[in-house]
Amino acid sequence: MKNFFIITNSYKDQGLRLTKSIQDYIETKGGSCGYLVSRGEEQPDGYVRPEQLPEQLDLIFVVGGDGTLIRAARDTASRNVPLIGVNLGTLGYLCELEEATVYGAIDQIMDDQFVLEARMRLCGTPVQGGKELPQQAALNDIVIHRSGALQLVNLVVYVNGQYLNTFDGDGVIVSTPTGSTGYNLSAGGPIVDPKARMILITPINSHTLNSKSIVIGAEDEVVVEIGARRCEADEQVVVSFDGDHYAELDVGDRIVICQAKEDCRILKLGKLSFLEILRKKMQSYH
């Protein structure tokens, strides 16, 4: 590999100090490297457009934290370029590198000493008023949650066309294994190895005592329909992809969720396994 690019969060990398240092190091070693600020005053919407990336591209370094990497994965999905995260926040699950290890990692990568790990994504198609909205992808999760007043929502879940359950609560998380350590975990869902291929359905603050997470196959299709809890039928939910609001749905609307065709490729150097990261995270809560 010799053609690199950096997507950076300038709130984390103040003055782009580390970003420019990485760029200089790569160019000194004979590689090419540009950069783009995805989160900061220079680009407040936080989106990277595929046309902003160079045509010749082998790997994207993402400088910031897990959230920055998740957004970069979303924005660069159409290019199918591998990503590796450089963590400037607290210990995360996705970003393998730290400032102290990034330069040695560059040497390894340029010598082709790495493995590529495929992570499944989800794609969701909201159906609003009988009309399909554009499909959107997520690496972590698709969340259907209440909007506005502090009221419960009624969400009817189907899998492969068969009725599964009705959740009364704040919403439902449909998660990938990568996203199992995110919102899914906070809502009481299981932790899953990110290399696994399955879909997790976890209710948020369910008002039914026996509501638990449900794990289904990666090839299954999930439909979440917004049901009515009151005669006014004026409940409304928000659909978020990897934490970003995308659409508002009313009673009778639905969203269709399935595995995306393209995986997200994460470059790994074998320094720290998922289980080691998990153990360190669990120890930090003692």
C-alpha atoms as a PDB file:
ATOM      1  CA  MET A   1       0.000   0.000   0.000  1.00  0.00           C
ATOM      2  CA  LYS A   2       1.238   3.473  -0.806  1.00  0.00           C
ATOM      3  CA  ASN A   3      -1.814   5.625  -1.577  1.00  0.00           C
ATOM      4  CA  PHE A   4      -3.296   6.932   1.668  1.00  0.00           C
ATOM      5  CA  PHE A   5      -5.815   9.479   2.851  1.00  0.00           C
ATOM      6  CA  ILE A   6      -6.704  10.854   6.279  1.00  0.00           C
ATOM      7  CA  ILE A   7     -10.184  11.736   7.515  1.00  0.00           C
ATOM      8  CA  THR A   8      -9.808  13.689  10.721  1.00  0.00           C
ATOM      9  CA  ASN A   9     -11.861  15.168  13.533  1.00  0.00           C
ATOM     10  CA  SER A  10     -10.311  18.576  14.196  1.00  0.00           C
ATOM     11  CA  TYR A  11     -12.080  18.820  17.550  1.00  0.00           C
ATOM     12  CA  LYS A  12      -9.940  15.864  18.655  1.00  0.00           C
ATOM     13  CA  ASP A  13      -6.812  16.753  16.669  1.00  0.00           C
ATOM     14  CA  GLN A  14      -6.457  20.437  17.523  1.00  0.00           C
ATOM     15  CA  GLY A  15      -4.625  22.353  14.809  1.00  0.00           C
ATOM     16  CA  LEU A  16      -4.371  19.089  12.816  1.00  0.00           C
ATOM     17  CA  ARG A  17      -1.056  18.462  14.543  1.00  0.00           C
ATOM     18  CA  LEU A  18      -1.196  14.647  14.340  1.00  0.00           C
ATOM     19  CA  THR A  19      -2.885  14.617  10.941  1.00  0.00           C
ATOM     20  CA  LYS A  20      -0.124  16.661   9.325  1.00  0.00           C
ATOM     21  CA  SER A  21       2.541  14.633  11.104  1.00  0.00           C
ATOM     22  CA  ILE A  22       1.093  11.402   9.702  1.00  0.00           C
ATOM     23  CA  GLN A  23       0.901  12.951   6.244  1.00  0.00           C
ATOM     24  CA  ASP A  24       4.539  14.081   6.411  1.00  0.00           C
ATOM     25  CA  TYR A  25       5.693  10.652   7.607  1.00  0.00           C
ATOM     26  CA  ILE A  26       3.904   8.828   4.787  1.00  0.00           C
ATOM     27  CA  GLU A  27       5.264  11.188   2.150  1.00  0.00           C
ATOM     28  CA  THR A  28       8.786  10.871   3.580  1.00  0.00           C
ATOM     29  CA  LYS A  29       8.436   7.085   3.184  1.00  0.00           C
ATOM     30  CA  GLY A  30       7.505   7.499  -0.486  1.00  0.00           C
ATOM     31  CA  GLY A  31       3.733   7.278  -0.214  1.00  0.00           C
ATOM     32  CA  SER A  32       1.016   9.744  -1.144  1.00  0.00           C
ATOM     33  CA  CYS A  33      -1.353  11.194   1.424  1.00  0.00           C
ATOM     34  CA  GLY A  34      -4.021  13.896   1.489  1.00  0.00           C
ATOM     35  CA  TYR A  35      -6.432  14.737   4.265  1.00  0.00           C
ATOM     36  CA  LEU A  36      -9.924  16.051   4.875  1.00  0.00           C
ATOM     37  CA  VAL A  37     -11.591  17.400   7.983  1.00  0.00           C
ATOM     38  CA  SER A  38     -14.900  15.594   8.543  1.00  0.00           C
ATOM     39  CA  ARG A  39     -15.776  17.066  11.904  1.00  0.00           C
ATOM     40  CA  GLY A  40     -14.875  20.586  12.935  1.00  0.00           C
ATOM     41  CA  GLU A  41     -15.471  24.226  12.164  1.00  0.00           C
ATOM     42  CA  GLU A  42     -14.196  23.731   8.600  1.00  0.00           C
ATOM     43  CA  GLN A  43     -16.971  21.210   7.820  1.00  0.00           C
ATOM     44  CA  PRO A  44     -19.680  21.505  10.470  1.00  0.00           C
ATOM     45  CA  ASP A  45     -22.120  19.065   8.832  1.00  0.00           C
ATOM     46  CA  GLY A  46     -19.611  16.262   9.415  1.00  0.00           C
ATOM     47  CA  TYR A  47     -20.160  14.550   6.058  1.00  0.00           C
ATOM     48  CA  VAL A  48     -17.496  13.323   3.647  1.00  0.00           C
ATOM     49  CA  ARG A  49     -18.522  13.122  -0.008  1.00  0.00           C
ATOM     50  CA  PRO A  50     -17.039  10.252  -2.054  1.00  0.00           C
ATOM     51  CA  GLU A  51     -15.976  12.716  -4.750  1.00  0.00           C
ATOM     52  CA  GLN A  52     -13.734  14.430  -2.176  1.00  0.00           C
ATOM     53  CA  LEU A  53     -11.524  11.341  -2.046  1.00  0.00           C
ATOM     54  CA  PRO A  54      -8.681  10.742  -4.532  1.00  0.00           C
ATOM     55  CA  GLU A  55      -9.187   8.150  -7.260  1.00  0.00           C
ATOM     56  CA  GLN A  56      -6.066   6.177  -6.353  1.00  0.00           C
ATOM     57  CA  LEU A  57      -6.636   5.118  -2.767  1.00  0.00           C
ATOM     58  CA  ASP A  58      -5.486   2.045  -0.807  1.00  0.00           C
ATOM     59  CA  LEU A  59      -6.314   2.941   2.801  1.00  0.00           C
ATOM     60  CA  ILE A  60      -8.005   5.650   4.862  1.00  0.00           C
ATOM     61  CA  PHE A  61      -6.640   6.618   8.272  1.00  0.00           C
ATOM     62  CA  VAL A  62      -9.404   7.988  10.493  1.00  0.00           C
ATOM     63  CA  VAL A  63      -8.100  10.291  13.245  1.00  0.00           C
ATOM     64  CA  GLY A  64     -10.453  10.900  16.167  1.00  0.00           C
ATOM     65  CA  GLY A  65     -12.361   8.105  17.850  1.00  0.00           C
ATOM     66  CA  ASP A  66     -14.897   5.359  17.229  1.00  0.00           C
ATOM     67  CA  GLY A  67     -17.610   7.870  16.305  1.00  0.00           C
ATOM     68  CA  THR A  68     -15.401   9.495  13.666  1.00  0.00           C
ATOM     69  CA  LEU A  69     -14.582   6.082  12.201  1.00  0.00           C
ATOM     70  CA  ILE A  70     -18.238   5.033  12.079  1.00  0.00           C
ATOM     71  CA  ARG A  71     -19.173   8.216  10.207  1.00  0.00           C
ATOM     72  CA  ALA A  72     -16.239   7.747   7.816  1.00  0.00           C
ATOM     73  CA  ALA A  73     -17.347   4.175   7.134  1.00  0.00           C
ATOM     74  CA  ARG A  74     -20.830   5.452   6.294  1.00  0.00           C
ATOM     75  CA  ASP A  75     -19.623   8.230   4.023  1.00  0.00           C
ATOM     76  CA  THR A  76     -17.031   6.183   2.111  1.00  0.00           C
ATOM     77  CA  ALA A  77     -19.090   2.996   1.724  1.00  0.00           C
ATOM     78  CA  SER A  78     -19.463   3.431  -2.044  1.00  0.00           C
ATOM     79  CA  ARG A  79     -15.670   3.453  -2.455  1.00  0.00           C
ATOM     80  CA  ASN A  80     -15.125   0.202  -0.505  1.00  0.00           C
ATOM     81  CA  VAL A  81     -11.724   1.388   0.757  1.00  0.00           C
ATOM     82  CA  PRO A  82     -10.338  -0.187   3.959  1.00  0.00           C
ATOM     83  CA  LEU A  83     -10.216   1.951   7.110  1.00  0.00           C
ATOM     84  CA  ILE A  84      -8.026   2.036  10.191  1.00  0.00           C
ATOM     85  CA  GLY A  85      -8.714   4.238  13.212  1.00  0.00           C
ATOM     86  CA  VAL A  86      -6.255   6.375  15.179  1.00  0.00           C
ATOM     87  CA  ASN A  87      -7.777   6.933  18.597  1.00  0.00           C
ATOM     88  CA  LEU A  88      -7.532  10.335  20.282  1.00  0.00           C
ATOM     89  CA  GLY A  89     -10.361   9.747  22.739  1.00  0.00           C
ATOM     90  CA  THR A  90     -11.043   7.154  25.416  1.00  0.00           C
ATOM     91  CA  LEU A  91     -10.408   3.456  24.771  1.00  0.00           C
ATOM     92  CA  GLY A  92     -12.749   2.365  22.002  1.00  0.00           C
ATOM     93  CA  TYR A  93     -13.611  -0.866  20.242  1.00  0.00           C
ATOM     94  CA  LEU A  94     -12.936   0.160  16.641  1.00  0.00           C
ATOM     95  CA  CYS A  95      -9.817   2.335  16.601  1.00  0.00           C
ATOM     96  CA  GLU A  96      -6.766   0.095  16.800  1.00  0.00           C
ATOM     97  CA  LEU A  97      -4.011   2.720  16.779  1.00  0.00           C
ATOM     98  CA  GLU A  98      -2.861   5.413  19.195  1.00  0.00           C
ATOM     99  CA  GLU A  99      -0.580   8.346  18.480  1.00  0.00           C
ATOM    100  CA  ALA A 100       2.354   6.413  19.927  1.00  0.00           C
ATOM    101  CA  THR A 101       1.804   3.414  17.614  1.00  0.00           C
ATOM    102  CA  VAL A 102       0.730   5.030  14.361  1.00  0.00           C
ATOM    103  CA  TYR A 103       4.189   5.502  12.817  1.00  0.00           C
ATOM    104  CA  GLY A 104       5.241   1.886  13.355  1.00  0.00           C
ATOM    105  CA  ALA A 105       1.881   0.865  11.950  1.00  0.00           C
ATOM    106  CA  ILE A 106       2.517   2.876   8.789  1.00  0.00           C
ATOM    107  CA  ASP A 107       5.778   0.974   8.297  1.00  0.00           C
ATOM    108  CA  GLN A 108       3.931  -2.340   8.670  1.00  0.00           C
ATOM    109  CA  ILE A 109       1.173  -1.321   6.305  1.00  0.00           C
ATOM    110  CA  MET A 110       3.589  -0.149   3.624  1.00  0.00           C
ATOM    111  CA  ASP A 111       5.302  -3.545   3.938  1.00  0.00           C
ATOM    112  CA  ASP A 112       1.895  -5.251   3.498  1.00  0.00           C
ATOM    113  CA  GLN A 113       1.952  -6.760   7.002  1.00  0.00           C
ATOM    114  CA  PHE A 114      -1.737  -6.633   7.893  1.00  0.00           C
ATOM    115  CA  VAL A 115      -5.068  -8.412   7.608  1.00  0.00           C
ATOM    116  CA  LEU A 116      -8.424  -7.082   6.459  1.00  0.00           C
ATOM    117  CA  GLU A 117     -11.451  -7.765   8.627  1.00  0.00           C
ATOM    118  CA  ALA A 118     -14.911  -7.710   7.020  1.00  0.00           C
ATOM    119  CA  ARG A 119     -17.673  -6.156   9.130  1.00  0.00           C
ATOM    120  CA  MET A 120     -21.277  -6.508   8.027  1.00  0.00           C
ATOM    121  CA  ARG A 121     -23.427  -3.411   7.592  1.00  0.00           C
ATOM    122  CA  LEU A 122     -27.163  -2.916   7.668  1.00  0.00           C
ATOM    123  CA  CYS A 123     -29.226  -1.027   5.137  1.00  0.00           C
ATOM    124  CA  GLY A 124     -32.635   0.435   5.827  1.00  0.00           C
ATOM    125  CA  THR A 125     -35.420   1.709   3.595  1.00  0.00           C
ATOM    126  CA  PRO A 126     -38.012   3.873   5.383  1.00  0.00           C
ATOM    127  CA  VAL A 127     -41.511   3.781   3.884  1.00  0.00           C
ATOM    128  CA  GLN A 128     -43.191   7.103   4.622  1.00  0.00           C
ATOM    129  CA  GLY A 129     -46.813   7.592   3.618  1.00  0.00           C
ATOM    130  CA  GLY A 130     -46.568   4.616   1.268  1.00  0.00           C
ATOM    131  CA  LYS A 131     -43.494   6.043  -0.495  1.00  0.00           C
ATOM    132  CA  GLU A 132     -40.024   4.548  -0.177  1.00  0.00           C
ATOM    133  CA  LEU A 133     -37.299   6.955   0.882  1.00  0.00           C
ATOM    134  CA  PRO A 134     -33.698   6.469  -0.344  1.00  0.00           C
ATOM    135  CA  GLN A 135     -31.916   3.549   1.252  1.00  0.00           C
ATOM    136  CA  GLN A 136     -29.305   4.333   3.894  1.00  0.00           C
ATOM    137  CA  ALA A 137     -26.531   2.140   5.366  1.00  0.00           C
ATOM    138  CA  ALA A 138     -25.206   1.768   8.906  1.00  0.00           C
ATOM    139  CA  LEU A 139     -22.145   0.066  10.358  1.00  0.00           C
ATOM    140  CA  ASN A 140     -23.347   0.168  13.978  1.00  0.00           C
ATOM    141  CA  ASP A 141     -27.114   0.335  14.158  1.00  0.00           C
ATOM    142  CA  ILE A 142     -30.445   1.591  12.920  1.00  0.00           C
ATOM    143  CA  VAL A 143     -32.539   2.983  15.772  1.00  0.00           C
ATOM    144  CA  ILE A 144     -36.278   3.670  15.687  1.00  0.00           C
ATOM    145  CA  HIS A 145     -37.060   5.856  18.695  1.00  0.00           C
ATOM    146  CA  ARG A 146     -39.769   8.150  20.012  1.00  0.00           C
ATOM    147  CA  SER A 147     -39.897  11.805  19.052  1.00  0.00           C
ATOM    148  CA  GLY A 148     -41.178  14.860  20.867  1.00  0.00           C
ATOM    149  CA  ALA A 149     -43.274  14.420  24.014  1.00  0.00           C
ATOM    150  CA  LEU A 150     -42.413  11.826  26.637  1.00  0.00           C
ATOM    151  CA  GLN A 151     -44.778   9.199  25.329  1.00  0.00           C
ATOM    152  CA  LEU A 152     -44.380   5.528  24.555  1.00  0.00           C
ATOM    153  CA  VAL A 153     -44.359   4.246  21.003  1.00  0.00           C
ATOM    154  CA  ASN A 154     -45.805   1.018  19.706  1.00  0.00           C
ATOM    155  CA  LEU A 155     -43.447  -0.811  17.341  1.00  0.00           C
ATOM    156  CA  VAL A 156     -44.545  -3.991  15.576  1.00  0.00           C
ATOM    157  CA  VAL A 157     -41.635  -6.142  14.406  1.00  0.00           C
ATOM    158  CA  TYR A 158     -41.756  -8.709  11.595  1.00  0.00           C
ATOM    159  CA  VAL A 159     -38.944 -11.043  10.472  1.00  0.00           C
ATOM    160  CA  ASN A 160     -39.116 -12.473   6.956  1.00  0.00           C
ATOM    161  CA  GLY A 161     -42.764 -11.476   6.768  1.00  0.00           C
ATOM    162  CA  GLN A 162     -43.745 -13.240  10.002  1.00  0.00           C
ATOM    163  CA  TYR A 163     -44.918 -11.381  13.095  1.00  0.00           C
ATOM    164  CA  LEU A 164     -42.262 -11.474  15.835  1.00  0.00           C
ATOM    165  CA  ASN A 165     -43.279  -9.133  18.662  1.00  0.00           C
ATOM    166  CA  THR A 166     -44.771  -5.780  19.575  1.00  0.00           C
ATOM    167  CA  PHE A 167     -42.626  -3.481  21.709  1.00  0.00           C
ATOM    168  CA  ASP A 168     -44.127  -0.702  23.805  1.00  0.00           C
ATOM    169  CA  GLY A 169     -41.391   1.606  25.014  1.00  0.00           C
ATOM    170  CA  ASP A 170     -38.947   4.248  23.815  1.00  0.00           C
ATOM    171  CA  GLY A 171     -37.951   2.407  20.658  1.00  0.00           C
ATOM    172  CA  VAL A 172     -36.039  -0.471  19.091  1.00  0.00           C
ATOM    173  CA  ILE A 173     -32.361  -0.875  18.151  1.00  0.00           C
ATOM    174  CA  VAL A 174     -31.504  -3.046  15.153  1.00  0.00           C
ATOM    175  CA  SER A 175     -27.765  -3.612  15.437  1.00  0.00           C
ATOM    176  CA  THR A 176     -24.825  -5.296  13.739  1.00  0.00           C
ATOM    177  CA  PRO A 177     -22.228  -7.213  15.774  1.00  0.00           C
ATOM    178  CA  THR A 178     -19.961  -4.162  15.460  1.00  0.00           C
ATOM    179  CA  GLY A 179     -22.708  -2.047  16.996  1.00  0.00           C
ATOM    180  CA  SER A 180     -23.337  -4.514  19.810  1.00  0.00           C
ATOM    181  CA  THR A 181     -20.947  -2.568  22.063  1.00  0.00           C
ATOM    182  CA  GLY A 182     -22.709   0.743  21.373  1.00  0.00           C
ATOM    183  CA  TYR A 183     -26.305   1.741  22.094  1.00  0.00           C
ATOM    184  CA  ASN A 184     -27.302  -1.938  22.054  1.00  0.00           C
ATOM    185  CA  LEU A 185     -25.067  -2.586  25.071  1.00  0.00           C
ATOM    186  CA  SER A 186     -26.439   0.433  26.952  1.00  0.00           C
ATOM    187  CA  ALA A 187     -29.967  -0.892  26.385  1.00  0.00           C
ATOM    188  CA  GLY A 188     -29.081  -4.274  27.878  1.00  0.00           C
ATOM    189  CA  GLY A 189     -28.313  -6.137  24.655  1.00  0.00           C
ATOM    190  CA  PRO A 190     -25.626  -8.811  24.266  1.00  0.00           C
ATOM    191  CA  ILE A 191     -21.984  -8.215  23.321  1.00  0.00           C
ATOM    192  CA  VAL A 192     -21.098  -9.992  20.083  1.00  0.00           C
ATOM    193  CA  ASP A 193     -17.754 -10.522  18.369  1.00  0.00           C
ATOM    194  CA  PRO A 194     -17.684  -7.917  15.576  1.00  0.00           C
ATOM    195  CA  LYS A 195     -16.575 -10.511  13.007  1.00  0.00           C
ATOM    196  CA  ALA A 196     -19.812 -12.472  13.518  1.00  0.00           C
ATOM    197  CA  ARG A 197     -22.680 -12.209  11.047  1.00  0.00           C
ATOM    198  CA  MET A 198     -26.069 -11.727  12.709  1.00  0.00           C
ATOM    199  CA  ILE A 199     -28.664  -9.045  13.439  1.00  0.00           C
ATOM    200  CA  LEU A 200     -29.588  -7.991  16.971  1.00  0.00           C
ATOM    201  CA  ILE A 201     -33.010  -6.559  17.856  1.00  0.00           C
ATOM    202  CA  THR A 202     -33.064  -4.820  21.248  1.00  0.00           C
ATOM    203  CA  PRO A 203     -35.981  -2.873  22.762  1.00  0.00           C
ATOM    204  CA  ILE A 204     -35.272   0.487  24.438  1.00  0.00           C
ATOM    205  CA  ASN A 205     -36.869   0.893  27.878  1.00  0.00           C
ATOM    206  CA  SER A 206     -39.583  -1.599  27.075  1.00  0.00           C
ATOM    207  CA  HIS A 207     -42.671  -1.544  29.293  1.00  0.00           C
ATOM    208  CA  THR A 208     -43.064  -5.300  28.916  1.00  0.00           C
ATOM    209  CA  LEU A 209     -41.147  -7.211  31.573  1.00  0.00           C
ATOM    210  CA  ASN A 210     -40.297 -10.160  29.330  1.00  0.00           C
ATOM    211  CA  SER A 211     -38.912  -8.099  26.437  1.00  0.00           C
ATOM    212  CA  LYS A 212     -35.371  -9.279  25.708  1.00  0.00           C
ATOM    213  CA  SER A 213     -32.938  -8.870  22.854  1.00  0.00           C
ATOM    214  CA  ILE A 214     -33.512 -11.197  19.931  1.00  0.00           C
ATOM    215  CA  VAL A 215     -30.695 -12.433  17.690  1.00  0.00           C
ATOM    216  CA  ILE A 216     -31.511 -13.479  14.127  1.00  0.00           C
ATOM    217  CA  GLY A 217     -29.547 -14.481  11.039  1.00  0.00           C
ATOM    218  CA  ALA A 218     -27.681 -11.995   8.885  1.00  0.00           C
ATOM    219  CA  GLU A 219     -29.759 -13.006   5.855  1.00  0.00           C
ATOM    220  CA  ASP A 220     -33.081 -12.208   7.544  1.00  0.00           C
ATOM    221  CA  GLU A 221     -35.221  -9.168   6.740  1.00  0.00           C
ATOM    222  CA  VAL A 222     -36.614  -7.051   9.571  1.00  0.00           C
ATOM    223  CA  VAL A 223     -39.632  -4.778   9.200  1.00  0.00           C
ATOM    224  CA  VAL A 224     -40.514  -2.363  11.992  1.00  0.00           C
ATOM    225  CA  GLU A 225     -43.982  -0.851  11.664  1.00  0.00           C
ATOM    226  CA  ILE A 226     -45.226   2.070  13.728  1.00  0.00           C
ATOM    227  CA  GLY A 227     -48.435   1.099  15.454  1.00  0.00           C
ATOM    228  CA  ALA A 228     -51.060   3.235  17.176  1.00  0.00           C
ATOM    229  CA  ARG A 229     -51.271   3.341  20.977  1.00  0.00           C
ATOM    230  CA  ARG A 230     -54.003   5.992  21.220  1.00  0.00           C
ATOM    231  CA  CYS A 231     -57.140   6.783  19.274  1.00  0.00           C
ATOM    232  CA  GLU A 232     -55.529   9.996  17.960  1.00  0.00           C
ATOM    233  CA  ALA A 233     -52.852   7.887  16.228  1.00  0.00           C
ATOM    234  CA  ASP A 234     -50.531  10.899  16.269  1.00  0.00           C
ATOM    235  CA  GLU A 235     -47.422   9.161  17.577  1.00  0.00           C
ATOM    236  CA  GLN A 236     -44.226   9.861  15.660  1.00  0.00           C
ATOM    237  CA  VAL A 237     -40.815   8.205  15.655  1.00  0.00           C
ATOM    238  CA  VAL A 238     -37.380   9.162  14.355  1.00  0.00           C
ATOM    239  CA  VAL A 239     -35.169   6.760  12.414  1.00  0.00           C
ATOM    240  CA  SER A 240     -31.438   7.199  13.015  1.00  0.00           C
ATOM    241  CA  PHE A 241     -28.567   5.560  11.168  1.00  0.00           C
ATOM    242  CA  ASP A 242     -25.386   5.331  13.266  1.00  0.00           C
ATOM    243  CA  GLY A 243     -26.688   8.113  15.501  1.00  0.00           C
ATOM    244  CA  ASP A 244     -27.649  10.575  12.767  1.00  0.00           C
ATOM    245  CA  HIS A 245     -31.349  11.378  12.340  1.00  0.00           C
ATOM    246  CA  TYR A 246     -32.575  10.458   8.891  1.00  0.00           C
ATOM    247  CA  ALA A 247     -36.390  10.321   8.725  1.00  0.00           C
ATOM    248  CA  GLU A 248     -39.543  10.820  10.757  1.00  0.00           C
ATOM    249  CA  LEU A 249     -42.258   8.180  10.541  1.00  0.00           C
ATOM    250  CA  ASP A 250     -45.915   8.310  11.563  1.00  0.00           C
ATOM    251  CA  VAL A 251     -48.389   5.614  12.542  1.00  0.00           C
ATOM    252  CA  GLY A 252     -48.716   3.139   9.659  1.00  0.00           C
ATOM    253  CA  ASP A 253     -45.252   3.881   8.273  1.00  0.00           C
ATOM    254  CA  ARG A 254     -42.470   1.313   8.462  1.00  0.00           C
ATOM    255  CA  ILE A 255     -38.801   0.665   7.825  1.00  0.00           C
ATOM    256  CA  VAL A 256     -37.383  -2.389   6.043  1.00  0.00           C
ATOM    257  CA  ILE A 257     -33.936  -3.481   7.282  1.00  0.00           C
ATOM    258  CA  CYS A 258     -31.570  -6.114   5.916  1.00  0.00           C
ATOM    259  CA  GLN A 259     -27.887  -6.876   5.534  1.00  0.00           C
ATOM    260  CA  ALA A 260     -26.123  -4.486   3.162  1.00  0.00           C
ATOM    261  CA  LYS A 261     -24.499  -5.916   0.047  1.00  0.00           C
ATOM    262  CA  GLU A 262     -21.104  -4.366   0.807  1.00  0.00           C
ATOM    263  CA  ASP A 263     -19.159  -5.043   3.990  1.00  0.00           C
ATOM    264  CA  CYS A 264     -17.025  -2.464   5.738  1.00  0.00           C
ATOM    265  CA  ARG A 265     -13.356  -3.441   5.592  1.00  0.00           C
ATOM    266  CA  ILE A 266     -11.320  -2.665   8.704  1.00  0.00           C
ATOM    267  CA  LEU A 267      -7.553  -3.050   8.490  1.00  0.00           C
ATOM    268  CA  LYS A 268      -6.076  -4.913  11.467  1.00  0.00           C
ATOM    269  CA  LEU A 269      -2.453  -5.250  12.546  1.00  0.00           C
ATOM    270  CA  GLY A 270      -3.069  -7.926  15.142  1.00  0.00           C
ATOM    271  CA  LYS A 271      -1.884  -5.832  18.077  1.00  0.00           C
ATOM    272  CA  LEU A 272      -5.013  -6.046  20.187  1.00  0.00           C
ATOM    273  CA  SER A 273      -7.884  -8.515  19.827  1.00  0.00           C
ATOM    274  CA  PHE A 274     -11.526  -7.677  20.432  1.00  0.00           C
ATOM    275  CA  LEU A 275     -11.492  -9.833  23.572  1.00  0.00           C
ATOM    276  CA  GLU A 276      -8.485  -7.951  24.958  1.00  0.00           C
ATOM    277  CA  ILE A 277     -10.203  -4.617  24.334  1.00  0.00           C
ATOM    278  CA  LEU A 278     -13.378  -5.961  25.942  1.00  0.00           C
ATOM    279  CA  ARG A 279     -11.433  -7.150  28.990  1.00  0.00           C
ATOM    280  CA  LYS A 280      -9.795  -3.719  29.408  1.00  0.00           C
ATOM    281  CA  LYS A 281     -13.142  -1.958  29.077  1.00  0.00           C
ATOM    282  CA  MET A 282     -14.717  -4.251  31.657  1.00  0.00           C
ATOM    283  CA  GLN A 283     -11.819  -3.710  34.068  1.00  0.00           C
ATOM    284  CA  SER A 284     -12.232   0.056  33.789  1.00  0.00           C
ATOM    285  CA  TYR A 285     -15.733  -0.253  35.283  1.00  0.00           C
ATOM    286  CA  HIS A 286     -14.553  -2.075  38.426  1.00  0.00           C
END
